[in-house]
Amino acid sequence: MKNLFTIIAFAATMLFGIQNISAQSLSVDKNRPEVIAKAETAELTETLNLNGEQSRTIFRALVAKEINYQKHIEGKDATDANVIANKKKFDSSLDDIMKKTLTEEQYAKWNKNK
């Protein structure tokens, strides 16, 4: 009985230990939309002197753009009409959000640098 309890305790310890190890081994992939958007947002925050609310809004917009690009544009024929239409739609959507979020000066500077 004592051996059975020891074996069960050991198995439970190993089970929980393996879960922690596998969770820690997950690496941040540089191709993930959130990572790309975070880097771009940090650059824009520094360049355009964004406040917290502007940074959050732009981060969300950039994540959405990256997700859409990865789903509908990357790896596809760049001359295809659907790909061109999707790219224009996603760029237009980002442009609209930037226009609403940024001040006129910031928007002009962003437009100049993009």
C-alpha atoms as a PDB file:
ATOM      1  CA  MET A   1       0.000   0.000   0.000  1.00  0.00           C
ATOM      2  CA  LYS A   2       2.845   2.344   0.877  1.00  0.00           C
ATOM      3  CA  ASN A   3       4.552   1.560  -2.451  1.00  0.00           C
ATOM      4  CA  LEU A   4       1.319   2.222  -4.350  1.00  0.00           C
ATOM      5  CA  PHE A   5       0.970   5.635  -2.703  1.00  0.00           C
ATOM      6  CA  THR A   6       4.609   6.437  -3.517  1.00  0.00           C
ATOM      7  CA  ILE A   7       4.135   5.459  -7.159  1.00  0.00           C
ATOM      8  CA  ILE A   8       0.979   7.583  -7.475  1.00  0.00           C
ATOM      9  CA  ALA A   9       2.690  10.577  -5.843  1.00  0.00           C
ATOM     10  CA  PHE A  10       5.698  10.169  -8.138  1.00  0.00           C
ATOM     11  CA  ALA A  11       3.475   9.909 -11.236  1.00  0.00           C
ATOM     12  CA  ALA A  12       1.521  13.033 -10.245  1.00  0.00           C
ATOM     13  CA  THR A  13       4.745  14.959  -9.657  1.00  0.00           C
ATOM     14  CA  MET A  14       6.102  13.913 -13.043  1.00  0.00           C
ATOM     15  CA  LEU A  15       2.832  14.812 -14.770  1.00  0.00           C
ATOM     16  CA  PHE A  16       2.772  18.343 -13.355  1.00  0.00           C
ATOM     17  CA  GLY A  17       6.508  18.773 -13.933  1.00  0.00           C
ATOM     18  CA  ILE A  18       6.217  17.860 -17.605  1.00  0.00           C
ATOM     19  CA  GLN A  19       3.413  20.383 -18.108  1.00  0.00           C
ATOM     20  CA  ASN A  20       5.554  23.169 -16.655  1.00  0.00           C
ATOM     21  CA  ILE A  21       8.524  22.209 -18.796  1.00  0.00           C
ATOM     22  CA  SER A  22       6.501  22.146 -22.007  1.00  0.00           C
ATOM     23  CA  ALA A  23       4.893  25.513 -21.205  1.00  0.00           C
ATOM     24  CA  GLN A  24       8.300  27.073 -20.633  1.00  0.00           C
ATOM     25  CA  SER A  25       9.704  25.692 -23.868  1.00  0.00           C
ATOM     26  CA  LEU A  26       7.197  27.587 -26.014  1.00  0.00           C
ATOM     27  CA  SER A  27       9.190  30.213 -27.811  1.00  0.00           C
ATOM     28  CA  VAL A  28       8.039  33.501 -29.230  1.00  0.00           C
ATOM     29  CA  ASP A  29       7.863  33.132 -32.978  1.00  0.00           C
ATOM     30  CA  LYS A  30       9.035  36.231 -34.804  1.00  0.00           C
ATOM     31  CA  ASN A  31       6.460  35.604 -37.545  1.00  0.00           C
ATOM     32  CA  ARG A  32       3.469  35.827 -35.223  1.00  0.00           C
ATOM     33  CA  PRO A  33       1.212  38.815 -35.930  1.00  0.00           C
ATOM     34  CA  GLU A  34       1.386  40.027 -32.319  1.00  0.00           C
ATOM     35  CA  VAL A  35       5.190  40.090 -32.335  1.00  0.00           C
ATOM     36  CA  ILE A  36       5.352  41.943 -35.650  1.00  0.00           C
ATOM     37  CA  ALA A  37       2.672  44.426 -34.541  1.00  0.00           C
ATOM     38  CA  LYS A  38       4.358  45.004 -31.180  1.00  0.00           C
ATOM     39  CA  ALA A  39       7.673  45.861 -32.835  1.00  0.00           C
ATOM     40  CA  GLU A  40       6.014  48.169 -35.342  1.00  0.00           C
ATOM     41  CA  THR A  41       3.922  49.830 -32.613  1.00  0.00           C
ATOM     42  CA  ALA A  42       7.022  50.438 -30.503  1.00  0.00           C
ATOM     43  CA  GLU A  43       8.728  52.064 -33.479  1.00  0.00           C
ATOM     44  CA  LEU A  44       5.676  54.228 -34.230  1.00  0.00           C
ATOM     45  CA  THR A  45       5.294  55.193 -30.566  1.00  0.00           C
ATOM     46  CA  GLU A  46       8.855  56.471 -30.540  1.00  0.00           C
ATOM     47  CA  THR A  47       8.657  58.162 -33.945  1.00  0.00           C
ATOM     48  CA  LEU A  48       5.237  59.785 -33.543  1.00  0.00           C
ATOM     49  CA  ASN A  49       5.189  60.290 -29.740  1.00  0.00           C
ATOM     50  CA  LEU A  50       1.989  58.290 -29.314  1.00  0.00           C
ATOM     51  CA  ASN A  51       0.071  58.250 -26.056  1.00  0.00           C
ATOM     52  CA  GLY A  52      -1.141  55.011 -24.441  1.00  0.00           C
ATOM     53  CA  GLU A  53      -4.577  54.984 -26.035  1.00  0.00           C
ATOM     54  CA  GLN A  54      -3.153  55.638 -29.489  1.00  0.00           C
ATOM     55  CA  SER A  55      -0.580  52.864 -29.033  1.00  0.00           C
ATOM     56  CA  ARG A  56      -3.250  50.345 -28.015  1.00  0.00           C
ATOM     57  CA  THR A  57      -5.513  51.233 -30.930  1.00  0.00           C
ATOM     58  CA  ILE A  58      -2.675  51.089 -33.434  1.00  0.00           C
ATOM     59  CA  PHE A  59      -1.414  47.789 -31.992  1.00  0.00           C
ATOM     60  CA  ARG A  60      -4.860  46.215 -32.478  1.00  0.00           C
ATOM     61  CA  ALA A  61      -5.071  47.572 -36.030  1.00  0.00           C
ATOM     62  CA  LEU A  62      -1.607  46.270 -36.899  1.00  0.00           C
ATOM     63  CA  VAL A  63      -2.394  42.823 -35.466  1.00  0.00           C
ATOM     64  CA  ALA A  64      -5.553  42.667 -37.584  1.00  0.00           C
ATOM     65  CA  LYS A  65      -3.596  43.768 -40.665  1.00  0.00           C
ATOM     66  CA  GLU A  66      -0.861  41.164 -40.096  1.00  0.00           C
ATOM     67  CA  ILE A  67      -3.404  38.384 -39.554  1.00  0.00           C
ATOM     68  CA  ASN A  68      -5.224  39.337 -42.748  1.00  0.00           C
ATOM     69  CA  TYR A  69      -1.979  39.601 -44.702  1.00  0.00           C
ATOM     70  CA  GLN A  70      -0.869  36.159 -43.509  1.00  0.00           C
ATOM     71  CA  LYS A  71      -4.229  34.596 -44.367  1.00  0.00           C
ATOM     72  CA  HIS A  72      -4.978  36.278 -47.674  1.00  0.00           C
ATOM     73  CA  ILE A  73      -1.793  37.707 -49.193  1.00  0.00           C
ATOM     74  CA  GLU A  74       1.471  36.063 -48.129  1.00  0.00           C
ATOM     75  CA  GLY A  75       2.459  33.086 -50.226  1.00  0.00           C
ATOM     76  CA  LYS A  76      -0.033  33.887 -52.973  1.00  0.00           C
ATOM     77  CA  ASP A  77       0.411  35.269 -56.473  1.00  0.00           C
ATOM     78  CA  ALA A  78       0.921  39.032 -56.121  1.00  0.00           C
ATOM     79  CA  THR A  79      -0.593  39.656 -59.565  1.00  0.00           C
ATOM     80  CA  ASP A  80      -3.869  37.872 -58.783  1.00  0.00           C
ATOM     81  CA  ALA A  81      -6.856  40.244 -58.771  1.00  0.00           C
ATOM     82  CA  ASN A  82      -8.205  38.892 -55.464  1.00  0.00           C
ATOM     83  CA  VAL A  83      -4.849  39.327 -53.745  1.00  0.00           C
ATOM     84  CA  ILE A  84      -4.519  42.892 -55.049  1.00  0.00           C
ATOM     85  CA  ALA A  85      -8.084  43.723 -53.962  1.00  0.00           C
ATOM     86  CA  ASN A  86      -7.522  42.224 -50.500  1.00  0.00           C
ATOM     87  CA  LYS A  87      -4.247  44.113 -50.072  1.00  0.00           C
ATOM     88  CA  LYS A  88      -5.934  47.398 -51.003  1.00  0.00           C
ATOM     89  CA  LYS A  89      -8.804  46.642 -48.613  1.00  0.00           C
ATOM     90  CA  PHE A  90      -6.490  45.837 -45.686  1.00  0.00           C
ATOM     91  CA  ASP A  91      -4.253  48.840 -46.349  1.00  0.00           C
ATOM     92  CA  SER A  92      -7.294  51.108 -46.634  1.00  0.00           C
ATOM     93  CA  SER A  93      -8.667  49.773 -43.352  1.00  0.00           C
ATOM     94  CA  LEU A  94      -5.358  50.457 -41.589  1.00  0.00           C
ATOM     95  CA  ASP A  95      -5.199  53.913 -43.156  1.00  0.00           C
ATOM     96  CA  ASP A  96      -8.716  54.732 -41.902  1.00  0.00           C
ATOM     97  CA  ILE A  97      -7.855  53.651 -38.358  1.00  0.00           C
ATOM     98  CA  MET A  98      -4.623  55.640 -38.426  1.00  0.00           C
ATOM     99  CA  LYS A  99      -6.474  58.712 -39.689  1.00  0.00           C
ATOM    100  CA  LYS A 100      -9.014  58.423 -36.840  1.00  0.00           C
ATOM    101  CA  THR A 101      -6.427  57.700 -34.156  1.00  0.00           C
ATOM    102  CA  LEU A 102      -3.555  60.043 -34.975  1.00  0.00           C
ATOM    103  CA  THR A 103      -3.484  63.820 -34.919  1.00  0.00           C
ATOM    104  CA  GLU A 104      -3.074  65.599 -38.260  1.00  0.00           C
ATOM    105  CA  GLU A 105       0.655  66.107 -37.652  1.00  0.00           C
ATOM    106  CA  GLN A 106       1.188  62.483 -36.624  1.00  0.00           C
ATOM    107  CA  TYR A 107      -0.836  61.203 -39.572  1.00  0.00           C
ATOM    108  CA  ALA A 108       1.146  63.338 -42.034  1.00  0.00           C
ATOM    109  CA  LYS A 109       4.431  62.100 -40.553  1.00  0.00           C
ATOM    110  CA  TRP A 110       3.234  58.469 -40.622  1.00  0.00           C
ATOM    111  CA  ASN A 111       2.050  58.817 -44.231  1.00  0.00           C
ATOM    112  CA  LYS A 112       5.411  60.295 -45.211  1.00  0.00           C
ATOM    113  CA  ASN A 113       7.367  57.461 -43.531  1.00  0.00           C
ATOM    114  CA  LYS A 114       5.280  54.452 -44.562  1.00  0.00           C
END
